[in-house]
Every structure is written in C-alpha cells, then in structure tokens.
C-alpha cells in the first residue's frame, strides 16, 4: 500500500511514512540504527544530518552492484556513477566517519575487461569501507541467463579475486573504533565489530594481543589485514 508519506500520531507528534521521519524516530529509541539496502537517491541526503548529530549510526548499505554504465544498463539499474561519487563526497564532508558497504557482481553477461577495470577504478575513488563481491551465476528463468556473451568461469574467478584484493588493500592501514564482543584468554585474541559491521550481515574484527580487554570495551584498532568477510588488527 502506498501511503504517500501520510502522517500518523506518534508520542505526541506527527510522523510521516517517510524514510527520514522513521529513521529519526527509531534513533530516539536509544538503539543502534543502521540503514540497509538504501539506493543512492537524493532523499538519502536528508538522513545524513541525522548521522552527523548521532541519531542514527553513520552507516549506509547501498546495493551498487557495478559501476560500468554499460553493465548497469544491462542489469536494468540506474547508471550515473559520476553523480553517485559526488554524492558520496558530499555525505563524507558532512559525516567524515560515514561507513559505506556494498556488494558487486563480477562476470555479468557482456562484462568486458574494460568494464571490469572501470569498476576497479570506481572502487579506488569511492573508497568504500566494506566491499563484498560475488560471481554471476545463471538462474533458470532469469533474463540474464539467456544473454549472449556469457563470461567464462575462470575469468569470473580471476575478477572476483582482484576485487577482493583491492578491497583488502583499501582497508589495510586504517584505524577504526571496535566494540569488543568476546575475548579468548587462551590465545589473547578478541573479536568485535566496528560501526561498519552490522550483526549477521557484515564480518567481524579479529584482534591479536588483546588479552587485557573485556567484552563491551570500545578500542581503537589499526587494521593490518582482511579477507573476504573479516578484518584483522591490533589495538592502536
């Protein structure tokens, strides 16, 4: 049902059926609020001030899928990579610690090496905080399954590995705040999450030489390495 931003009474005020109003009111409940599966459209600009003031976490999960305009058109998705990069820069100017995560498809039918290099260049400029990737797989009945120019499996694998290697390089050397979830007294290791790690969606941050920490501690961590899902580091 399309409520067309209809307002409803809530705790003595009128709250619209609108992303900005709902995010603001959820933030007032005192819980960590992260925004998932948010398309990078202009209305997102209105929630950035809520992040700047601490009402919701500085976190956006955006399904970019790719950066090459040609591939995005083939996916039937919006294709304006330059405008998206400008929007990301504007968001970060307002919220410097904004964490952006996304996943990308490699090997979509018709993806050329030029398209893939375009994606890598876009990722270099966007500097996303969490990047996932998956290889295109044919699904019975899906339009893309019958498209011409299917990408060979070995090429998909090679491109997947290159995306993940780039993501690891971008993450390495950064310093982030981590909420400690668990400490292993035998190994002196610890596991936690940063603001950019949503439970059951993102990965974890694994710490070495962390035997003196306790669950609930928030510590500054220097990232030393990463894999497909998790980050590895040491207390800074």
Protein backbone atom coordinates (compact mmCIF):
# COMPACT_ATOMS: atom_id res chain seq x y z
CA UNK A 1 0.00 0.00 0.00
CA UNK A 2 1.36 3.42 -0.98
CA UNK A 3 0.75 5.75 1.99
CA UNK A 4 2.19 8.73 0.09
CA UNK A 5 4.05 9.99 3.18
CA UNK A 6 0.87 10.13 5.23
CA UNK A 7 1.46 11.39 8.77
CA UNK A 8 0.47 9.38 11.83
CA UNK A 9 0.41 10.36 15.52
CA UNK A 10 3.39 9.04 17.49
CA UNK A 11 4.34 10.10 21.02
CA UNK A 12 2.61 13.44 20.78
CA UNK A 13 3.87 14.34 17.32
CA UNK A 14 3.01 13.67 13.68
CA UNK A 15 5.41 11.26 11.94
CA UNK A 16 5.28 10.76 8.19
CA UNK A 17 5.58 7.42 6.45
CA UNK A 18 8.91 8.65 5.13
CA UNK A 19 12.47 7.36 5.44
CA UNK A 20 13.77 10.48 7.20
CA UNK A 21 11.00 10.60 9.81
CA UNK A 22 11.18 6.86 10.51
CA UNK A 23 14.97 6.89 10.86
CA UNK A 24 14.80 9.87 13.23
CA UNK A 25 12.14 8.29 15.44
CA UNK A 26 13.91 4.91 15.59
CA UNK A 27 17.11 6.71 16.56
CA UNK A 28 15.31 8.24 19.53
CA UNK A 29 14.66 4.75 20.93
CA UNK A 30 18.29 4.52 22.06
CA UNK A 31 19.27 1.56 19.86
CA UNK A 32 21.97 1.45 17.19
CA UNK A 33 20.13 2.15 13.93
CA UNK A 34 21.76 1.25 10.62
CA UNK A 35 20.19 1.86 7.22
CA UNK A 36 20.30 -1.13 4.87
CA UNK A 37 19.57 -1.56 1.18
CA UNK A 38 19.40 2.17 0.54
CA UNK A 39 19.55 3.33 -3.06
CA UNK A 40 21.76 6.43 -3.56
CA UNK A 41 18.92 8.74 -4.49
CA UNK A 42 18.54 12.39 -3.38
CA UNK A 43 16.25 11.54 -0.46
CA UNK A 44 19.22 9.89 1.28
CA UNK A 45 20.75 13.37 1.63
CA UNK A 46 18.10 14.11 4.25
CA UNK A 47 19.23 11.37 6.65
CA UNK A 48 22.90 12.39 6.60
CA UNK A 49 22.29 15.19 9.16
CA UNK A 50 20.76 12.55 11.47
CA UNK A 51 24.08 10.71 11.30
CA UNK A 52 26.04 13.89 11.89
CA UNK A 53 24.10 14.55 15.10
CA UNK A 54 24.38 10.94 16.30
CA UNK A 55 20.71 10.00 16.00
CA UNK A 56 21.47 7.06 13.67
CA UNK A 57 24.76 5.32 13.05
CA UNK A 58 26.96 6.68 10.25
CA UNK A 59 26.37 3.59 8.12
CA UNK A 60 24.82 3.02 4.71
CA UNK A 61 24.34 -0.30 2.94
CA UNK A 62 23.93 0.59 -0.74
CA UNK A 63 23.42 -2.06 -3.46
CA UNK A 64 25.65 -0.54 -6.15
CA UNK A 65 26.09 -3.90 -7.97
CA UNK A 66 28.56 -2.43 -10.50
CA UNK A 67 29.95 0.89 -11.74
CA UNK A 68 30.24 0.47 -15.50
CA UNK A 69 27.29 2.31 -17.11
CA UNK A 70 27.07 -0.36 -19.80
CA UNK A 71 26.84 -3.21 -17.31
CA UNK A 72 24.36 -1.33 -15.12
CA UNK A 73 22.12 -0.71 -18.12
CA UNK A 74 22.28 -4.41 -18.95
CA UNK A 75 21.21 -5.09 -15.36
CA UNK A 76 18.39 -2.55 -15.81
CA UNK A 77 19.70 -0.47 -12.95
CA UNK A 78 20.34 3.30 -12.70
CA UNK A 79 23.66 4.19 -14.34
CA UNK A 80 25.08 7.52 -13.17
CA UNK A 81 28.37 6.68 -11.50
CA UNK A 82 29.76 10.24 -11.54
CA UNK A 83 26.72 11.65 -9.74
CA UNK A 84 26.97 8.85 -7.14
CA UNK A 85 30.62 9.67 -6.47
CA UNK A 86 29.75 13.34 -5.96
CA UNK A 87 27.01 12.35 -3.55
CA UNK A 88 29.41 10.13 -1.58
CA UNK A 89 31.89 13.01 -1.31
CA UNK A 90 29.13 15.33 -0.09
CA UNK A 91 27.99 12.78 2.52
CA UNK A 92 31.51 12.32 3.84
CA UNK A 93 32.06 16.06 4.01
CA UNK A 94 29.17 16.17 6.49
CA UNK A 95 29.95 12.88 8.25
CA UNK A 96 33.69 12.07 7.99
CA UNK A 97 33.33 8.69 9.72
CA UNK A 98 30.49 7.53 7.46
CA UNK A 99 30.84 3.81 6.67
CA UNK A 100 29.51 2.63 3.32
CA UNK A 101 29.18 -1.02 2.42
CA UNK A 102 28.11 -2.63 -0.82
CA UNK A 103 28.32 -5.78 -2.91
CA UNK A 104 29.26 -6.09 -6.54
CA UNK A 105 28.61 -8.65 -9.27
CA UNK A 106 31.52 -9.73 -11.44
CA UNK A 107 31.15 -11.69 -14.64
CA UNK A 108 27.69 -10.42 -15.57
CA UNK A 109 26.97 -11.36 -19.23
CA UNK A 110 28.70 -8.91 -21.55
CA UNK A 111 31.11 -7.58 -18.90
CA UNK A 112 34.36 -6.84 -20.72
CA UNK A 113 37.80 -6.31 -19.24
CA UNK A 114 37.26 -2.61 -19.88
CA UNK A 115 34.03 -2.71 -17.84
CA UNK A 116 35.79 -4.52 -15.04
CA UNK A 117 38.71 -2.06 -15.00
CA UNK A 118 36.14 0.72 -14.83
CA UNK A 119 34.70 -0.93 -11.70
CA UNK A 120 38.14 -1.17 -10.09
CA UNK A 121 38.85 2.48 -10.82
CA UNK A 122 35.49 3.48 -9.36
CA UNK A 123 36.20 1.49 -6.20
CA UNK A 124 39.59 3.18 -5.87
CA UNK A 125 37.89 6.57 -5.94
CA UNK A 126 34.86 5.68 -3.82
CA UNK A 127 36.97 4.06 -1.06
CA UNK A 128 34.07 2.05 0.33
CA UNK A 129 34.53 0.74 3.86
CA UNK A 130 33.13 -2.75 3.30
CA UNK A 131 33.07 -4.41 -0.09
CA UNK A 132 31.64 -7.80 -0.95
CA UNK A 133 31.62 -9.47 -4.34
CA UNK A 134 30.04 -12.47 -5.92
CA UNK A 135 30.32 -14.15 -9.28
CA UNK A 136 27.33 -14.06 -11.59
CA UNK A 137 25.54 -17.37 -11.66
CA UNK A 138 22.92 -18.42 -14.18
CA UNK A 139 19.46 -18.85 -12.67
CA UNK A 140 16.83 -20.76 -14.58
CA UNK A 141 14.24 -18.37 -15.96
CA UNK A 142 16.23 -15.20 -15.27
CA UNK A 143 16.65 -12.94 -18.34
CA UNK A 144 20.43 -12.66 -17.85
CA UNK A 145 20.81 -16.44 -18.15
CA UNK A 146 19.94 -16.33 -21.85
CA UNK A 147 22.02 -13.25 -22.66
CA UNK A 148 24.83 -13.53 -25.15
CA UNK A 149 28.49 -13.05 -24.20
CA UNK A 150 28.45 -15.17 -21.06
CA UNK A 151 31.71 -14.71 -19.14
CA UNK A 152 33.86 -17.86 -18.65
CA UNK A 153 34.07 -19.20 -15.11
CA UNK A 154 37.84 -18.79 -14.88
CA UNK A 155 37.51 -15.11 -15.83
CA UNK A 156 34.79 -14.62 -13.19
CA UNK A 157 37.05 -16.16 -10.55
CA UNK A 158 40.02 -14.02 -11.55
CA UNK A 159 37.92 -10.84 -11.43
CA UNK A 160 36.42 -11.80 -8.10
CA UNK A 161 39.87 -12.25 -6.59
CA UNK A 162 41.02 -8.88 -7.95
CA UNK A 163 38.04 -7.07 -6.40
CA UNK A 164 38.62 -8.67 -3.02
CA UNK A 165 42.36 -7.94 -3.17
CA UNK A 166 41.63 -4.28 -3.89
CA UNK A 167 39.16 -4.14 -1.01
CA UNK A 168 41.76 -5.61 1.34
CA UNK A 169 44.37 -3.06 0.22
CA UNK A 170 41.97 -0.14 0.78
CA UNK A 171 41.12 -1.39 4.30
CA UNK A 172 44.68 -2.12 5.41
CA UNK A 173 46.33 0.60 7.49
CA UNK A 174 43.11 2.31 8.52
CA UNK A 175 42.27 2.90 12.19
CA UNK A 176 38.75 2.17 13.43
CA UNK A 177 36.85 2.01 16.71
CA UNK A 178 35.82 -1.52 17.66
CA UNK A 179 33.25 -2.73 20.19
CA UNK A 180 34.66 -5.92 21.77
CA UNK A 181 32.21 -8.85 21.78
CA UNK A 182 34.39 -11.68 23.07
CA UNK A 183 37.89 -12.26 24.45
CA UNK A 184 39.79 -15.57 24.30
CA UNK A 185 42.01 -15.82 27.38
CA UNK A 186 43.97 -18.76 25.92
CA UNK A 187 45.02 -17.06 22.69
CA UNK A 188 44.89 -13.45 23.98
CA UNK A 189 42.75 -12.69 20.96
CA UNK A 190 39.46 -10.84 20.79
CA UNK A 191 36.57 -10.45 18.40
CA UNK A 192 34.44 -7.38 17.89
CA UNK A 193 32.63 -5.11 15.48
CA UNK A 194 33.07 -1.60 14.23
CA UNK A 195 30.21 0.77 13.45
CA UNK A 196 30.52 -0.51 9.88
CA UNK A 197 29.79 -4.12 10.86
CA UNK A 198 26.11 -4.97 11.16
CA UNK A 199 25.46 -8.25 13.05
CA UNK A 200 24.77 -11.25 10.80
CA UNK A 201 25.40 -9.14 7.68
CA UNK A 202 28.93 -7.80 7.80
CA UNK A 203 32.01 -9.54 9.10
CA UNK A 204 33.90 -9.19 12.37
CA UNK A 205 37.13 -7.57 13.52
CA UNK A 206 39.67 -10.02 14.98
CA UNK A 207 42.32 -8.63 17.34
CA UNK A 208 45.67 -10.04 18.40
CA UNK A 209 47.46 -9.23 21.66
CA UNK A 210 44.15 -8.27 23.23
CA UNK A 211 44.13 -10.34 26.40
CA UNK A 212 43.59 -7.33 28.64
CA UNK A 213 40.29 -6.36 27.03
CA UNK A 214 36.78 -7.11 28.23
CA UNK A 215 33.52 -7.59 26.33
CA UNK A 216 31.90 -4.18 25.98
CA UNK A 217 35.18 -2.28 25.67
CA UNK A 218 35.47 0.13 22.76
CA UNK A 219 39.03 0.38 21.50
CA UNK A 220 40.89 2.00 18.62
CA UNK A 221 42.23 -0.67 16.25
CA UNK A 222 44.75 -0.48 13.43
CA UNK A 223 43.70 -2.77 10.56
CA UNK A 224 46.57 -4.97 9.40
CA UNK A 225 44.83 -7.40 7.04
CA UNK A 226 41.45 -8.55 5.75
CA UNK A 227 39.83 -11.43 3.93
CA UNK A 228 36.51 -11.82 2.13
CA UNK A 229 34.49 -11.09 5.26
CA UNK A 230 36.60 -10.02 8.25
CA UNK A 231 39.25 -7.53 9.32
CA UNK A 232 42.36 -8.32 11.39
CA UNK A 233 44.25 -5.88 13.51
CA UNK A 234 45.80 -4.79 16.78
CA UNK A 235 44.87 -2.21 19.40
CA UNK A 236 46.36 1.10 18.25
